[in-house]
Amino acid sequence: MRSFVALRYASPVTFRTALSLGTIVAALAFLAWLITFKIVDSDFWWHVKAGELLWNTKSMIRVDPCAYTREGLPYLARHEWLAQLLLYGVYSLGGPLGIVLLRIAAAAATFGILLSLDRRNLWPNAFLCIAAAIVMRQGFIERPQLFSNILFAFVLAQSFRLLDLQDEFQDNTVEK
């Protein structure tokens, strides 16, 4: 049987690592609690129906099929087709619970990407992400913008990484 001292030295978990992991778990739990609310956006049902039309016809919607005030006029929301397909697919497979889980996953992905920018300071940055999530709560509704949040965080992270690479390259060229 291994002693407590041997186990302590076998797994080098520092206080900072434990604090970071604990804070991340608490932040994810809070985020899930914050983002868990019923489907409130009345446009959601239109997005699901549009996704269903896209899926069943295997073509883009050209004429607005549902709006009686725009009967026969061109369909304007062509830029949302991929999000509409995803919302339809998730709703078809998981119903309202699937949409709520998608919303939680999108929020977790968004803030996970942002937290990856500074891995050395995870626990203080997690509190900033919690504050941002409170402010952005209405931005995580079941609309196509849900995916825009993830893409914005991804582009922001890649931009910072590119700037870091550029700084490293300049530092290396100055030293030589």
C-alpha atoms as a PDB file:
ATOM      1  CA  MET A   1       0.000   0.000   0.000  1.00  0.00           C
ATOM      2  CA  ARG A   2       1.336   3.399  -0.951  1.00  0.00           C
ATOM      3  CA  SER A   3       1.671   6.016   1.691  1.00  0.00           C
ATOM      4  CA  PHE A   4       0.083   9.457   1.543  1.00  0.00           C
ATOM      5  CA  VAL A   5       3.520  11.038   1.199  1.00  0.00           C
ATOM      6  CA  ALA A   6       4.335   8.878  -1.836  1.00  0.00           C
ATOM      7  CA  LEU A   7       1.019   9.769  -3.470  1.00  0.00           C
ATOM      8  CA  ARG A   8       1.603  13.436  -2.764  1.00  0.00           C
ATOM      9  CA  TYR A   9       4.900  13.429  -4.624  1.00  0.00           C
ATOM     10  CA  ALA A  10       3.661  11.109  -7.373  1.00  0.00           C
ATOM     11  CA  SER A  11       1.062  13.584  -8.610  1.00  0.00           C
ATOM     12  CA  PRO A  12       2.491  17.084  -8.841  1.00  0.00           C
ATOM     13  CA  VAL A  13      -0.752  19.050  -8.564  1.00  0.00           C
ATOM     14  CA  THR A  14       0.003  22.538  -7.380  1.00  0.00           C
ATOM     15  CA  PHE A  15      -2.342  24.778  -5.492  1.00  0.00           C
ATOM     16  CA  ARG A  16      -2.605  27.036  -8.529  1.00  0.00           C
ATOM     17  CA  THR A  17      -3.599  24.104 -10.755  1.00  0.00           C
ATOM     18  CA  ALA A  18      -6.200  22.909  -8.264  1.00  0.00           C
ATOM     19  CA  LEU A  19      -7.548  26.449  -7.912  1.00  0.00           C
ATOM     20  CA  SER A  20      -7.732  26.830 -11.689  1.00  0.00           C
ATOM     21  CA  LEU A  21      -9.522  23.507 -12.179  1.00  0.00           C
ATOM     22  CA  GLY A  22     -11.946  24.195  -9.339  1.00  0.00           C
ATOM     23  CA  THR A  23     -12.723  27.629 -10.691  1.00  0.00           C
ATOM     24  CA  ILE A  24     -13.269  26.289 -14.204  1.00  0.00           C
ATOM     25  CA  VAL A  25     -15.672  23.622 -12.934  1.00  0.00           C
ATOM     26  CA  ALA A  26     -17.540  26.217 -10.853  1.00  0.00           C
ATOM     27  CA  ALA A  27     -17.636  28.630 -13.802  1.00  0.00           C
ATOM     28  CA  LEU A  28     -19.008  25.911 -16.116  1.00  0.00           C
ATOM     29  CA  ALA A  29     -21.661  24.997 -13.562  1.00  0.00           C
ATOM     30  CA  PHE A  30     -22.651  28.650 -13.176  1.00  0.00           C
ATOM     31  CA  LEU A  31     -22.682  29.101 -16.946  1.00  0.00           C
ATOM     32  CA  ALA A  32     -24.943  26.085 -17.369  1.00  0.00           C
ATOM     33  CA  TRP A  33     -27.275  27.437 -14.691  1.00  0.00           C
ATOM     34  CA  LEU A  34     -27.287  30.919 -16.261  1.00  0.00           C
ATOM     35  CA  ILE A  35     -27.939  29.704 -19.810  1.00  0.00           C
ATOM     36  CA  THR A  36     -30.608  27.149 -18.840  1.00  0.00           C
ATOM     37  CA  PHE A  37     -33.926  28.810 -19.606  1.00  0.00           C
ATOM     38  CA  LYS A  38     -36.846  27.879 -21.799  1.00  0.00           C
ATOM     39  CA  ILE A  39     -37.020  28.769 -25.475  1.00  0.00           C
ATOM     40  CA  VAL A  40     -38.107  32.398 -25.443  1.00  0.00           C
ATOM     41  CA  ASP A  41     -37.361  33.674 -28.926  1.00  0.00           C
ATOM     42  CA  SER A  42     -40.448  33.580 -31.133  1.00  0.00           C
ATOM     43  CA  ASP A  43     -38.248  33.550 -34.255  1.00  0.00           C
ATOM     44  CA  PHE A  44     -36.792  30.213 -33.156  1.00  0.00           C
ATOM     45  CA  TRP A  45     -39.738  28.340 -34.614  1.00  0.00           C
ATOM     46  CA  TRP A  46     -39.237  30.071 -37.945  1.00  0.00           C
ATOM     47  CA  HIS A  47     -35.565  29.072 -37.961  1.00  0.00           C
ATOM     48  CA  VAL A  48     -36.506  25.446 -37.233  1.00  0.00           C
ATOM     49  CA  LYS A  49     -39.142  25.459 -39.991  1.00  0.00           C
ATOM     50  CA  ALA A  50     -36.720  27.062 -42.446  1.00  0.00           C
ATOM     51  CA  GLY A  51     -34.140  24.402 -41.549  1.00  0.00           C
ATOM     52  CA  GLU A  52     -36.765  21.725 -42.143  1.00  0.00           C
ATOM     53  CA  LEU A  53     -37.592  23.210 -45.555  1.00  0.00           C
ATOM     54  CA  LEU A  54     -33.904  23.367 -46.437  1.00  0.00           C
ATOM     55  CA  TRP A  55     -33.406  19.753 -45.345  1.00  0.00           C
ATOM     56  CA  ASN A  56     -36.459  18.349 -47.104  1.00  0.00           C
ATOM     57  CA  THR A  57     -36.040  20.229 -50.390  1.00  0.00           C
ATOM     58  CA  LYS A  58     -32.216  20.021 -50.457  1.00  0.00           C
ATOM     59  CA  SER A  59     -32.176  23.541 -51.900  1.00  0.00           C
ATOM     60  CA  MET A  60     -32.043  27.131 -50.747  1.00  0.00           C
ATOM     61  CA  ILE A  61     -35.296  28.926 -49.991  1.00  0.00           C
ATOM     62  CA  ARG A  62     -35.926  31.443 -52.760  1.00  0.00           C
ATOM     63  CA  VAL A  63     -39.423  32.798 -52.012  1.00  0.00           C
ATOM     64  CA  ASP A  64     -40.601  33.535 -48.470  1.00  0.00           C
ATOM     65  CA  PRO A  65     -42.982  30.640 -47.760  1.00  0.00           C
ATOM     66  CA  CYS A  66     -44.489  31.699 -44.424  1.00  0.00           C
ATOM     67  CA  ALA A  67     -44.802  35.481 -44.111  1.00  0.00           C
ATOM     68  CA  TYR A  68     -48.217  36.600 -45.336  1.00  0.00           C
ATOM     69  CA  THR A  69     -47.033  40.224 -45.548  1.00  0.00           C
ATOM     70  CA  ARG A  70     -44.243  39.244 -47.959  1.00  0.00           C
ATOM     71  CA  GLU A  71     -46.114  36.672 -50.024  1.00  0.00           C
ATOM     72  CA  GLY A  72     -44.302  35.963 -53.280  1.00  0.00           C
ATOM     73  CA  LEU A  73     -41.334  38.186 -52.395  1.00  0.00           C
ATOM     74  CA  PRO A  74     -37.739  36.928 -52.211  1.00  0.00           C
ATOM     75  CA  TYR A  75     -36.582  35.247 -49.019  1.00  0.00           C
ATOM     76  CA  LEU A  76     -34.228  37.603 -47.169  1.00  0.00           C
ATOM     77  CA  ALA A  77     -32.586  35.393 -44.521  1.00  0.00           C
ATOM     78  CA  ARG A  78     -30.343  33.465 -46.904  1.00  0.00           C
ATOM     79  CA  HIS A  79     -27.251  34.100 -44.796  1.00  0.00           C
ATOM     80  CA  GLU A  80     -28.679  32.007 -41.919  1.00  0.00           C
ATOM     81  CA  TRP A  81     -29.104  28.730 -43.793  1.00  0.00           C
ATOM     82  CA  LEU A  82     -26.404  26.736 -41.989  1.00  0.00           C
ATOM     83  CA  ALA A  83     -27.589  27.819 -38.542  1.00  0.00           C
ATOM     84  CA  GLN A  84     -31.172  26.989 -39.513  1.00  0.00           C
ATOM     85  CA  LEU A  85     -30.118  23.502 -40.585  1.00  0.00           C
ATOM     86  CA  LEU A  86     -28.249  22.994 -37.313  1.00  0.00           C
ATOM     87  CA  LEU A  87     -31.167  24.252 -35.214  1.00  0.00           C
ATOM     88  CA  TYR A  88     -33.545  21.977 -37.101  1.00  0.00           C
ATOM     89  CA  GLY A  89     -31.249  18.995 -36.674  1.00  0.00           C
ATOM     90  CA  VAL A  90     -30.745  19.555 -32.951  1.00  0.00           C
ATOM     91  CA  TYR A  91     -34.447  20.157 -32.371  1.00  0.00           C
ATOM     92  CA  SER A  92     -35.376  17.062 -34.393  1.00  0.00           C
ATOM     93  CA  LEU A  93     -32.986  14.881 -32.409  1.00  0.00           C
ATOM     94  CA  GLY A  94     -33.330  16.371 -28.929  1.00  0.00           C
ATOM     95  CA  GLY A  95     -36.374  18.604 -28.810  1.00  0.00           C
ATOM     96  CA  PRO A  96     -36.331  21.613 -26.470  1.00  0.00           C
ATOM     97  CA  LEU A  97     -33.791  19.919 -24.176  1.00  0.00           C
ATOM     98  CA  GLY A  98     -31.444  19.502 -27.131  1.00  0.00           C
ATOM     99  CA  ILE A  99     -31.687  23.222 -27.872  1.00  0.00           C
ATOM    100  CA  VAL A 100     -30.949  24.140 -24.249  1.00  0.00           C
ATOM    101  CA  LEU A 101     -27.953  21.776 -24.267  1.00  0.00           C
ATOM    102  CA  LEU A 102     -26.792  23.308 -27.562  1.00  0.00           C
ATOM    103  CA  ARG A 103     -27.044  26.750 -25.981  1.00  0.00           C
ATOM    104  CA  ILE A 104     -24.983  25.611 -22.980  1.00  0.00           C
ATOM    105  CA  ALA A 105     -22.395  23.977 -25.245  1.00  0.00           C
ATOM    106  CA  ALA A 106     -22.131  27.128 -27.377  1.00  0.00           C
ATOM    107  CA  ALA A 107     -21.616  29.323 -24.311  1.00  0.00           C
ATOM    108  CA  ALA A 108     -19.049  26.895 -22.889  1.00  0.00           C
ATOM    109  CA  ALA A 109     -17.213  26.794 -26.234  1.00  0.00           C
ATOM    110  CA  THR A 110     -17.233  30.578 -26.514  1.00  0.00           C
ATOM    111  CA  PHE A 111     -15.812  31.156 -23.055  1.00  0.00           C
ATOM    112  CA  GLY A 112     -13.520  28.129 -23.274  1.00  0.00           C
ATOM    113  CA  ILE A 113     -11.885  29.614 -26.354  1.00  0.00           C
ATOM    114  CA  LEU A 114     -11.529  32.953 -24.607  1.00  0.00           C
ATOM    115  CA  LEU A 115     -10.030  31.290 -21.521  1.00  0.00           C
ATOM    116  CA  SER A 116      -7.481  29.534 -23.720  1.00  0.00           C
ATOM    117  CA  LEU A 117      -5.948  32.906 -24.538  1.00  0.00           C
ATOM    118  CA  ASP A 118      -4.197  33.102 -21.161  1.00  0.00           C
ATOM    119  CA  ARG A 119      -3.817  29.627 -19.696  1.00  0.00           C
ATOM    120  CA  ARG A 120      -1.504  30.793 -16.912  1.00  0.00           C
ATOM    121  CA  ASN A 121      -4.233  32.932 -15.316  1.00  0.00           C
ATOM    122  CA  LEU A 122      -7.267  30.695 -15.704  1.00  0.00           C
ATOM    123  CA  TRP A 123      -8.861  31.262 -12.329  1.00  0.00           C
ATOM    124  CA  PRO A 124      -8.930  35.081 -12.376  1.00  0.00           C
ATOM    125  CA  ASN A 125     -10.014  35.092 -16.023  1.00  0.00           C
ATOM    126  CA  ALA A 126     -12.817  32.634 -15.258  1.00  0.00           C
ATOM    127  CA  PHE A 127     -14.389  35.287 -13.042  1.00  0.00           C
ATOM    128  CA  LEU A 128     -14.192  37.749 -15.940  1.00  0.00           C
ATOM    129  CA  CYS A 129     -15.902  35.190 -18.166  1.00  0.00           C
ATOM    130  CA  ILE A 130     -18.655  34.761 -15.582  1.00  0.00           C
ATOM    131  CA  ALA A 131     -19.204  38.523 -15.552  1.00  0.00           C
ATOM    132  CA  ALA A 132     -19.224  38.579 -19.366  1.00  0.00           C
ATOM    133  CA  ALA A 133     -21.713  35.690 -19.440  1.00  0.00           C
ATOM    134  CA  ILE A 134     -24.071  37.601 -17.172  1.00  0.00           C
ATOM    135  CA  VAL A 135     -23.919  40.582 -19.505  1.00  0.00           C
ATOM    136  CA  MET A 136     -24.187  38.427 -22.651  1.00  0.00           C
ATOM    137  CA  ARG A 137     -26.962  36.153 -21.395  1.00  0.00           C
ATOM    138  CA  GLN A 138     -29.461  37.414 -23.973  1.00  0.00           C
ATOM    139  CA  GLY A 139     -26.852  36.862 -26.681  1.00  0.00           C
ATOM    140  CA  PHE A 140     -27.078  33.129 -26.039  1.00  0.00           C
ATOM    141  CA  ILE A 141     -30.627  32.667 -27.234  1.00  0.00           C
ATOM    142  CA  GLU A 142     -31.595  30.097 -29.843  1.00  0.00           C
ATOM    143  CA  ARG A 143     -30.836  32.182 -32.920  1.00  0.00           C
ATOM    144  CA  PRO A 144     -28.149  32.014 -35.617  1.00  0.00           C
ATOM    145  CA  GLN A 145     -26.070  34.533 -33.644  1.00  0.00           C
ATOM    146  CA  LEU A 146     -25.439  31.731 -31.147  1.00  0.00           C
ATOM    147  CA  PHE A 147     -22.850  30.376 -33.560  1.00  0.00           C
ATOM    148  CA  SER A 148     -21.467  33.848 -34.275  1.00  0.00           C
ATOM    149  CA  ASN A 149     -20.370  34.116 -30.636  1.00  0.00           C
ATOM    150  CA  ILE A 150     -18.231  30.995 -31.019  1.00  0.00           C
ATOM    151  CA  LEU A 151     -16.777  32.171 -34.314  1.00  0.00           C
ATOM    152  CA  PHE A 152     -15.989  35.618 -32.894  1.00  0.00           C
ATOM    153  CA  ALA A 153     -14.145  34.062 -29.941  1.00  0.00           C
ATOM    154  CA  PHE A 154     -12.254  31.763 -32.324  1.00  0.00           C
ATOM    155  CA  VAL A 155     -11.195  34.609 -34.637  1.00  0.00           C
ATOM    156  CA  LEU A 156     -10.174  36.706 -31.643  1.00  0.00           C
ATOM    157  CA  ALA A 157      -8.076  33.847 -30.233  1.00  0.00           C
ATOM    158  CA  GLN A 158      -6.416  33.207 -33.587  1.00  0.00           C
ATOM    159  CA  SER A 159      -5.674  36.923 -33.980  1.00  0.00           C
ATOM    160  CA  PHE A 160      -3.944  37.040 -30.598  1.00  0.00           C
ATOM    161  CA  ARG A 161      -1.965  33.906 -31.432  1.00  0.00           C
ATOM    162  CA  LEU A 162      -0.900  35.431 -34.739  1.00  0.00           C
ATOM    163  CA  LEU A 163       0.237  38.594 -32.946  1.00  0.00           C
ATOM    164  CA  ASP A 164       2.212  36.461 -30.468  1.00  0.00           C
ATOM    165  CA  LEU A 165       3.879  34.600 -33.348  1.00  0.00           C
ATOM    166  CA  GLN A 166       4.712  37.908 -35.019  1.00  0.00           C
ATOM    167  CA  ASP A 167       6.299  39.182 -31.775  1.00  0.00           C
ATOM    168  CA  GLU A 168       8.334  35.971 -31.434  1.00  0.00           C
ATOM    169  CA  PHE A 169       9.472  36.250 -35.042  1.00  0.00           C
ATOM    170  CA  GLN A 170      10.542  39.872 -34.558  1.00  0.00           C
ATOM    171  CA  ASP A 171      12.366  38.981 -31.324  1.00  0.00           C
ATOM    172  CA  ASN A 172      14.236  36.185 -33.093  1.00  0.00           C
ATOM    173  CA  THR A 173      15.251  38.370 -36.021  1.00  0.00           C
ATOM    174  CA  VAL A 174      16.489  41.177 -33.739  1.00  0.00           C
ATOM    175  CA  GLU A 175      18.665  38.754 -31.734  1.00  0.00           C
ATOM    176  CA  LYS A 176      20.405  37.390 -34.842  1.00  0.00           C
END
